[in-house]
Amino acid sequence: MNKPWQPYALHILDAVDRIRHIQTRGDLTHDQVLYDAALRNLQTMSEATQQLPDTLKADHPYGTTLTPTRSQPS
């Protein structure tokens, strides 16, 4: 039985939102705390991406049409 992929996609989208918010707080190259926060979210994105089905990744190599609704359970 396969796990649904949508919660993982939502984790990716949330991590992107967090990184964008972190970027508004200052320069990541000069603030170690901001850098570490952004890095942790990149790690989250990497881990969640590994859980997406290979067929989904092949069909959407750049995520251009991968837009699950945020109302999905996480």
PDB file of N, CA and C in Angstrom:
ATOM      1  N   MET A   1       0.831  -1.183   0.000  1.00  0.00           N
ATOM      2  CA  MET A   1       0.000   0.000   0.000  1.00  0.00           C
ATOM      3  C   MET A   1       0.877   1.247   0.000  1.00  0.00           C
ATOM      4  N   ASN A   2       0.621   2.152  -0.921  1.00  0.00           N
ATOM      5  CA  ASN A   2       1.402   3.382  -1.037  1.00  0.00           C
ATOM      6  C   ASN A   2       0.821   4.476  -0.155  1.00  0.00           C
ATOM      7  N   LYS A   3       1.699   5.242   0.438  1.00  0.00           N
ATOM      8  CA  LYS A   3       1.263   6.402   1.205  1.00  0.00           C
ATOM      9  C   LYS A   3       0.865   7.507   0.230  1.00  0.00           C
ATOM     10  N   PRO A   4      -0.101   8.347   0.601  1.00  0.00           N
ATOM     11  CA  PRO A   4      -0.436   9.474  -0.275  1.00  0.00           C
ATOM     12  C   PRO A   4       0.735  10.464  -0.342  1.00  0.00           C
ATOM     13  N   TRP A   5       0.952  11.026  -1.502  1.00  0.00           N
ATOM     14  CA  TRP A   5       2.076  11.927  -1.702  1.00  0.00           C
ATOM     15  C   TRP A   5       1.756  13.367  -1.327  1.00  0.00           C
ATOM     16  N   GLN A   6       0.475  13.714  -1.254  1.00  0.00           N
ATOM     17  CA  GLN A   6       0.094  15.104  -1.024  1.00  0.00           C
ATOM     18  C   GLN A   6       0.650  15.705   0.265  1.00  0.00           C
ATOM     19  N   PRO A   7       0.650  14.980   1.388  1.00  0.00           N
ATOM     20  CA  PRO A   7       1.239  15.588   2.594  1.00  0.00           C
ATOM     21  C   PRO A   7       2.713  15.953   2.423  1.00  0.00           C
ATOM     22  N   TYR A   8       3.450  15.151   1.668  1.00  0.00           N
ATOM     23  CA  TYR A   8       4.852  15.470   1.421  1.00  0.00           C
ATOM     24  C   TYR A   8       4.991  16.720   0.560  1.00  0.00           C
ATOM     25  N   ALA A   9       4.125  16.848  -0.427  1.00  0.00           N
ATOM     26  CA  ALA A   9       4.139  18.048  -1.270  1.00  0.00           C
ATOM     27  C   ALA A   9       3.815  19.285  -0.432  1.00  0.00           C
ATOM     28  N   LEU A  10       2.898  19.137   0.509  1.00  0.00           N
ATOM     29  CA  LEU A  10       2.571  20.265   1.383  1.00  0.00           C
ATOM     30  C   LEU A  10       3.748  20.640   2.275  1.00  0.00           C
ATOM     31  N   HIS A  11       4.505  19.653   2.736  1.00  0.00           N
ATOM     32  CA  HIS A  11       5.711  19.944   3.520  1.00  0.00           C
ATOM     33  C   HIS A  11       6.698  20.752   2.683  1.00  0.00           C
ATOM     34  N   ILE A  12       6.822  20.402   1.409  1.00  0.00           N
ATOM     35  CA  ILE A  12       7.724  21.126   0.513  1.00  0.00           C
ATOM     36  C   ILE A  12       7.261  22.566   0.349  1.00  0.00           C
ATOM     37  N   LEU A  13       5.966  22.750   0.089  1.00  0.00           N
ATOM     38  CA  LEU A  13       5.439  24.101  -0.088  1.00  0.00           C
ATOM     39  C   LEU A  13       5.575  24.927   1.185  1.00  0.00           C
ATOM     40  N   ASP A  14       5.344  24.319   2.325  1.00  0.00           N
ATOM     41  CA  ASP A  14       5.512  25.028   3.597  1.00  0.00           C
ATOM     42  C   ASP A  14       6.965  25.439   3.814  1.00  0.00           C
ATOM     43  N   ALA A  15       7.893  24.558   3.471  1.00  0.00           N
ATOM     44  CA  ALA A  15       9.313  24.877   3.622  1.00  0.00           C
ATOM     45  C   ALA A  15       9.703  26.034   2.712  1.00  0.00           C
ATOM     46  N   VAL A  16       9.168  26.060   1.495  1.00  0.00           N
ATOM     47  CA  VAL A  16       9.433  27.175   0.579  1.00  0.00           C
ATOM     48  C   VAL A  16       8.914  28.472   1.188  1.00  0.00           C
ATOM     49  N   ASP A  17       7.700  28.451   1.722  1.00  0.00           N
ATOM     50  CA  ASP A  17       7.139  29.641   2.362  1.00  0.00           C
ATOM     51  C   ASP A  17       8.006  30.110   3.522  1.00  0.00           C
ATOM     52  N   ARG A  18       8.480  29.169   4.323  1.00  0.00           N
ATOM     53  CA  ARG A  18       9.326  29.532   5.465  1.00  0.00           C
ATOM     54  C   ARG A  18      10.644  30.153   5.015  1.00  0.00           C
ATOM     55  N   ILE A  19      11.240  29.590   3.979  1.00  0.00           N
ATOM     56  CA  ILE A  19      12.503  30.146   3.469  1.00  0.00           C
ATOM     57  C   ILE A  19      12.280  31.555   2.939  1.00  0.00           C
ATOM     58  N   ARG A  20      11.190  31.767   2.236  1.00  0.00           N
ATOM     59  CA  ARG A  20      10.894  33.125   1.746  1.00  0.00           C
ATOM     60  C   ARG A  20      10.725  34.092   2.912  1.00  0.00           C
ATOM     61  N   HIS A  21      10.071  33.639   3.973  1.00  0.00           N
ATOM     62  CA  HIS A  21       9.903  34.491   5.149  1.00  0.00           C
ATOM     63  C   HIS A  21      11.252  34.766   5.817  1.00  0.00           C
ATOM     64  N   ILE A  22      12.074  33.747   5.912  1.00  0.00           N
ATOM     65  CA  ILE A  22      13.403  33.913   6.510  1.00  0.00           C
ATOM     66  C   ILE A  22      14.212  34.938   5.724  1.00  0.00           C
ATOM     67  N   GLN A  23      14.106  34.909   4.397  1.00  0.00           N
ATOM     68  CA  GLN A  23      14.853  35.843   3.558  1.00  0.00           C
ATOM     69  C   GLN A  23      14.453  37.291   3.832  1.00  0.00           C
ATOM     70  N   THR A  24      13.217  37.505   4.228  1.00  0.00           N
ATOM     71  CA  THR A  24      12.776  38.885   4.509  1.00  0.00           C
ATOM     72  C   THR A  24      13.347  39.397   5.825  1.00  0.00           C
ATOM     73  N   ARG A  25      13.875  38.507   6.650  1.00  0.00           N
ATOM     74  CA  ARG A  25      14.390  38.890   7.971  1.00  0.00           C
ATOM     75  C   ARG A  25      15.825  39.411   7.927  1.00  0.00           C
ATOM     76  N   GLY A  26      16.512  39.148   6.814  1.00  0.00           N
ATOM     77  CA  GLY A  26      17.886  39.629   6.727  1.00  0.00           C
ATOM     78  C   GLY A  26      18.706  38.837   5.732  1.00  0.00           C
ATOM     79  N   ASP A  27      19.986  39.116   5.738  1.00  0.00           N
ATOM     80  CA  ASP A  27      20.925  38.512   4.801  1.00  0.00           C
ATOM     81  C   ASP A  27      21.433  37.181   5.361  1.00  0.00           C
ATOM     82  N   LEU A  28      21.119  36.106   4.663  1.00  0.00           N
ATOM     83  CA  LEU A  28      21.527  34.776   5.116  1.00  0.00           C
ATOM     84  C   LEU A  28      23.045  34.620   5.158  1.00  0.00           C
ATOM     85  N   THR A  29      23.749  35.382   4.346  1.00  0.00           N
ATOM     86  CA  THR A  29      25.209  35.249   4.312  1.00  0.00           C
ATOM     87  C   THR A  29      25.886  35.949   5.483  1.00  0.00           C
ATOM     88  N   HIS A  30      25.134  36.771   6.213  1.00  0.00           N
ATOM     89  CA  HIS A  30      25.718  37.491   7.344  1.00  0.00           C
ATOM     90  C   HIS A  30      25.089  37.132   8.688  1.00  0.00           C
ATOM     91  N   ASP A  31      24.072  36.309   8.681  1.00  0.00           N
ATOM     92  CA  ASP A  31      23.385  35.952   9.923  1.00  0.00           C
ATOM     93  C   ASP A  31      23.313  34.432  10.022  1.00  0.00           C
ATOM     94  N   GLN A  32      24.093  33.873  10.924  1.00  0.00           N
ATOM     95  CA  GLN A  32      24.189  32.421  11.046  1.00  0.00           C
ATOM     96  C   GLN A  32      22.862  31.782  11.440  1.00  0.00           C
ATOM     97  N   VAL A  33      22.079  32.446  12.268  1.00  0.00           N
ATOM     98  CA  VAL A  33      20.790  31.895  12.700  1.00  0.00           C
ATOM     99  C   VAL A  33      19.833  31.801  11.511  1.00  0.00           C
ATOM    100  N   LEU A  34      19.779  32.844  10.698  1.00  0.00           N
ATOM    101  CA  LEU A  34      18.928  32.806   9.508  1.00  0.00           C
ATOM    102  C   LEU A  34      19.415  31.744   8.533  1.00  0.00           C
ATOM    103  N   TYR A  35      20.719  31.657   8.367  1.00  0.00           N
ATOM    104  CA  TYR A  35      21.299  30.642   7.486  1.00  0.00           C
ATOM    105  C   TYR A  35      20.904  29.235   7.946  1.00  0.00           C
ATOM    106  N   ASP A  36      21.043  28.983   9.239  1.00  0.00           N
ATOM    107  CA  ASP A  36      20.707  27.668   9.780  1.00  0.00           C
ATOM    108  C   ASP A  36      19.217  27.359   9.613  1.00  0.00           C
ATOM    109  N   ALA A  37      18.376  28.363   9.802  1.00  0.00           N
ATOM    110  CA  ALA A  37      16.934  28.163   9.642  1.00  0.00           C
ATOM    111  C   ALA A  37      16.599  27.818   8.193  1.00  0.00           C
ATOM    112  N   ALA A  38      17.201  28.544   7.260  1.00  0.00           N
ATOM    113  CA  ALA A  38      16.955  28.262   5.847  1.00  0.00           C
ATOM    114  C   ALA A  38      17.490  26.880   5.476  1.00  0.00           C
ATOM    115  N   LEU A  39      18.661  26.542   5.988  1.00  0.00           N
ATOM    116  CA  LEU A  39      19.252  25.238   5.699  1.00  0.00           C
ATOM    117  C   LEU A  39      18.364  24.107   6.207  1.00  0.00           C
ATOM    118  N   ARG A  40      17.812  24.261   7.388  1.00  0.00           N
ATOM    119  CA  ARG A  40      16.932  23.220   7.934  1.00  0.00           C
ATOM    120  C   ARG A  40      15.710  23.032   7.046  1.00  0.00           C
ATOM    121  N   ASN A  41      15.164  24.112   6.525  1.00  0.00           N
ATOM    122  CA  ASN A  41      14.012  23.991   5.640  1.00  0.00           C
ATOM    123  C   ASN A  41      14.390  23.372   4.303  1.00  0.00           C
ATOM    124  N   LEU A  42      15.598  23.620   3.836  1.00  0.00           N
ATOM    125  CA  LEU A  42      16.070  22.942   2.626  1.00  0.00           C
ATOM    126  C   LEU A  42      16.198  21.443   2.876  1.00  0.00           C
ATOM    127  N   GLN A  43      16.638  21.070   4.063  1.00  0.00           N
ATOM    128  CA  GLN A  43      16.722  19.650   4.409  1.00  0.00           C
ATOM    129  C   GLN A  43      15.332  19.022   4.447  1.00  0.00           C
ATOM    130  N   THR A  44      14.371  19.746   4.994  1.00  0.00           N
ATOM    131  CA  THR A  44      12.989  19.264   5.018  1.00  0.00           C
ATOM    132  C   THR A  44      12.482  19.034   3.599  1.00  0.00           C
ATOM    133  N   MET A  45      12.772  19.994   2.716  1.00  0.00           N
ATOM    134  CA  MET A  45      12.354  19.851   1.323  1.00  0.00           C
ATOM    135  C   MET A  45      12.998  18.624   0.689  1.00  0.00           C
ATOM    136  N   SER A  46      14.275  18.413   0.954  1.00  0.00           N
ATOM    137  CA  SER A  46      14.980  17.270   0.386  1.00  0.00           C
ATOM    138  C   SER A  46      14.376  15.949   0.863  1.00  0.00           C
ATOM    139  N   GLU A  47      14.123  15.864   2.157  1.00  0.00           N
ATOM    140  CA  GLU A  47      13.546  14.633   2.711  1.00  0.00           C
ATOM    141  C   GLU A  47      12.145  14.383   2.161  1.00  0.00           C
ATOM    142  N   ALA A  48      11.339  15.428   2.057  1.00  0.00           N
ATOM    143  CA  ALA A  48       9.975  15.264   1.545  1.00  0.00           C
ATOM    144  C   ALA A  48       9.994  14.907   0.069  1.00  0.00           C
ATOM    145  N   THR A  49      10.913  15.481  -0.686  1.00  0.00           N
ATOM    146  CA  THR A  49      11.018  15.192  -2.116  1.00  0.00           C
ATOM    147  C   THR A  49      11.324  13.715  -2.355  1.00  0.00           C
ATOM    148  N   GLN A  50      12.116  13.127  -1.485  1.00  0.00           N
ATOM    149  CA  GLN A  50      12.459  11.716  -1.636  1.00  0.00           C
ATOM    150  C   GLN A  50      11.243  10.812  -1.447  1.00  0.00           C
ATOM    151  N   GLN A  51      10.210  11.313  -0.799  1.00  0.00           N
ATOM    152  CA  GLN A  51       9.011  10.517  -0.548  1.00  0.00           C
ATOM    153  C   GLN A  51       7.965  10.632  -1.663  1.00  0.00           C
ATOM    154  N   LEU A  52       8.191  11.550  -2.604  1.00  0.00           N
ATOM    155  CA  LEU A  52       7.254  11.685  -3.723  1.00  0.00           C
ATOM    156  C   LEU A  52       7.441  10.518  -4.686  1.00  0.00           C
ATOM    157  N   PRO A  53       6.367  10.069  -5.322  1.00  0.00           N
ATOM    158  CA  PRO A  53       6.503   8.965  -6.284  1.00  0.00           C
ATOM    159  C   PRO A  53       7.385   9.359  -7.473  1.00  0.00           C
ATOM    160  N   ASP A  54       8.158   8.412  -7.954  1.00  0.00           N
ATOM    161  CA  ASP A  54       9.039   8.674  -9.095  1.00  0.00           C
ATOM    162  C   ASP A  54       8.257   9.126 -10.317  1.00  0.00           C
ATOM    163  N   THR A  55       7.078   8.582 -10.512  1.00  0.00           N
ATOM    164  CA  THR A  55       6.281   8.984 -11.679  1.00  0.00           C
ATOM    165  C   THR A  55       5.871  10.443 -11.581  1.00  0.00           C
ATOM    166  N   LEU A  56       5.550  10.903 -10.390  1.00  0.00           N
ATOM    167  CA  LEU A  56       5.178  12.306 -10.195  1.00  0.00           C
ATOM    168  C   LEU A  56       6.370  13.216 -10.473  1.00  0.00           C
ATOM    169  N   LYS A  57       7.535  12.827  -9.968  1.00  0.00           N
ATOM    170  CA  LYS A  57       8.737  13.626 -10.204  1.00  0.00           C
ATOM    171  C   LYS A  57       9.105  13.644 -11.684  1.00  0.00           C
ATOM    172  N   ALA A  58       8.916  12.536 -12.371  1.00  0.00           N
ATOM    173  CA  ALA A  58       9.229  12.484 -13.805  1.00  0.00           C
ATOM    174  C   ALA A  58       8.253  13.341 -14.610  1.00  0.00           C
ATOM    175  N   ASP A  59       6.989  13.340 -14.208  1.00  0.00           N
ATOM    176  CA  ASP A  59       5.980  14.124 -14.924  1.00  0.00           C
ATOM    177  C   ASP A  59       6.110  15.620 -14.667  1.00  0.00           C
ATOM    178  N   HIS A  60       6.689  15.993 -13.523  1.00  0.00           N
ATOM    179  CA  HIS A  60       6.800  17.404 -13.137  1.00  0.00           C
ATOM    180  C   HIS A  60       8.219  17.690 -12.639  1.00  0.00           C
ATOM    181  N   PRO A  61       9.202  17.662 -13.535  1.00  0.00           N
ATOM    182  CA  PRO A  61      10.593  17.776 -13.088  1.00  0.00           C
ATOM    183  C   PRO A  61      10.920  19.102 -12.401  1.00  0.00           C
ATOM    184  N   TYR A  62      10.155  20.141 -12.674  1.00  0.00           N
ATOM    185  CA  TYR A  62      10.421  21.434 -12.050  1.00  0.00           C
ATOM    186  C   TYR A  62       9.297  21.855 -11.121  1.00  0.00           C
ATOM    187  N   GLY A  63       8.345  20.972 -10.880  1.00  0.00           N
ATOM    188  CA  GLY A  63       7.249  21.272  -9.974  1.00  0.00           C
ATOM    189  C   GLY A  63       6.291  22.325 -10.486  1.00  0.00           C
ATOM    190  N   THR A  64       6.308  22.592 -11.784  1.00  0.00           N
ATOM    191  CA  THR A  64       5.528  23.696 -12.321  1.00  0.00           C
ATOM    192  C   THR A  64       4.026  23.506 -12.166  1.00  0.00           C
ATOM    193  N   THR A  65       3.547  22.281 -12.185  1.00  0.00           N
ATOM    194  CA  THR A  65       2.104  22.082 -12.050  1.00  0.00           C
ATOM    195  C   THR A  65       1.757  21.291 -10.800  1.00  0.00           C
ATOM    196  N   LEU A  66       2.703  21.149  -9.901  1.00  0.00           N
ATOM    197  CA  LEU A  66       2.481  20.422  -8.662  1.00  0.00           C
ATOM    198  C   LEU A  66       1.934  21.398  -7.626  1.00  0.00           C
ATOM    199  N   THR A  67       0.611  21.473  -7.522  1.00  0.00           N
ATOM    200  CA  THR A  67       0.002  22.426  -6.605  1.00  0.00           C
ATOM    201  C   THR A  67      -1.134  21.775  -5.832  1.00  0.00           C
ATOM    202  N   PRO A  68      -0.818  20.937  -4.859  1.00  0.00           N
ATOM    203  CA  PRO A  68      -1.885  20.341  -4.051  1.00  0.00           C
ATOM    204  C   PRO A  68      -2.542  21.413  -3.202  1.00  0.00           C
ATOM    205  N   THR A  69      -3.793  21.214  -2.864  1.00  0.00           N
ATOM    206  CA  THR A  69      -4.469  22.188  -2.023  1.00  0.00           C
ATOM    207  C   THR A  69      -3.963  22.059  -0.592  1.00  0.00           C
ATOM    208  N   ARG A  70      -3.912  23.148   0.100  1.00  0.00           N
ATOM    209  CA  ARG A  70      -3.407  23.141   1.468  1.00  0.00           C
ATOM    210  C   ARG A  70      -4.417  22.581   2.452  1.00  0.00           C
ATOM    211  N   SER A  71      -5.590  22.214   1.988  1.00  0.00           N
ATOM    212  CA  SER A  71      -6.577  21.645   2.890  1.00  0.00           C
ATOM    213  C   SER A  71      -6.358  20.149   3.126  1.00  0.00           C
ATOM    214  N   GLN A  72      -5.341  19.573   2.469  1.00  0.00           N
ATOM    215  CA  GLN A  72      -5.029  18.165   2.649  1.00  0.00           C
ATOM    216  C   GLN A  72      -4.511  17.940   4.068  1.00  0.00           C
ATOM    217  N   PRO A  73      -4.818  16.821   4.679  1.00  0.00           N
ATOM    218  CA  PRO A  73      -4.275  16.548   6.012  1.00  0.00           C
ATOM    219  C   PRO A  73      -2.772  16.332   5.943  1.00  0.00           C
ATOM    220  N   SER A  74      -2.055  16.743   6.969  1.00  0.00           N
ATOM    221  CA  SER A  74      -0.590  16.571   6.955  1.00  0.00           C
ATOM    222  C   SER A  74      -0.157  15.469   7.877  1.00  0.00           C
TER     223      SER A  74
END
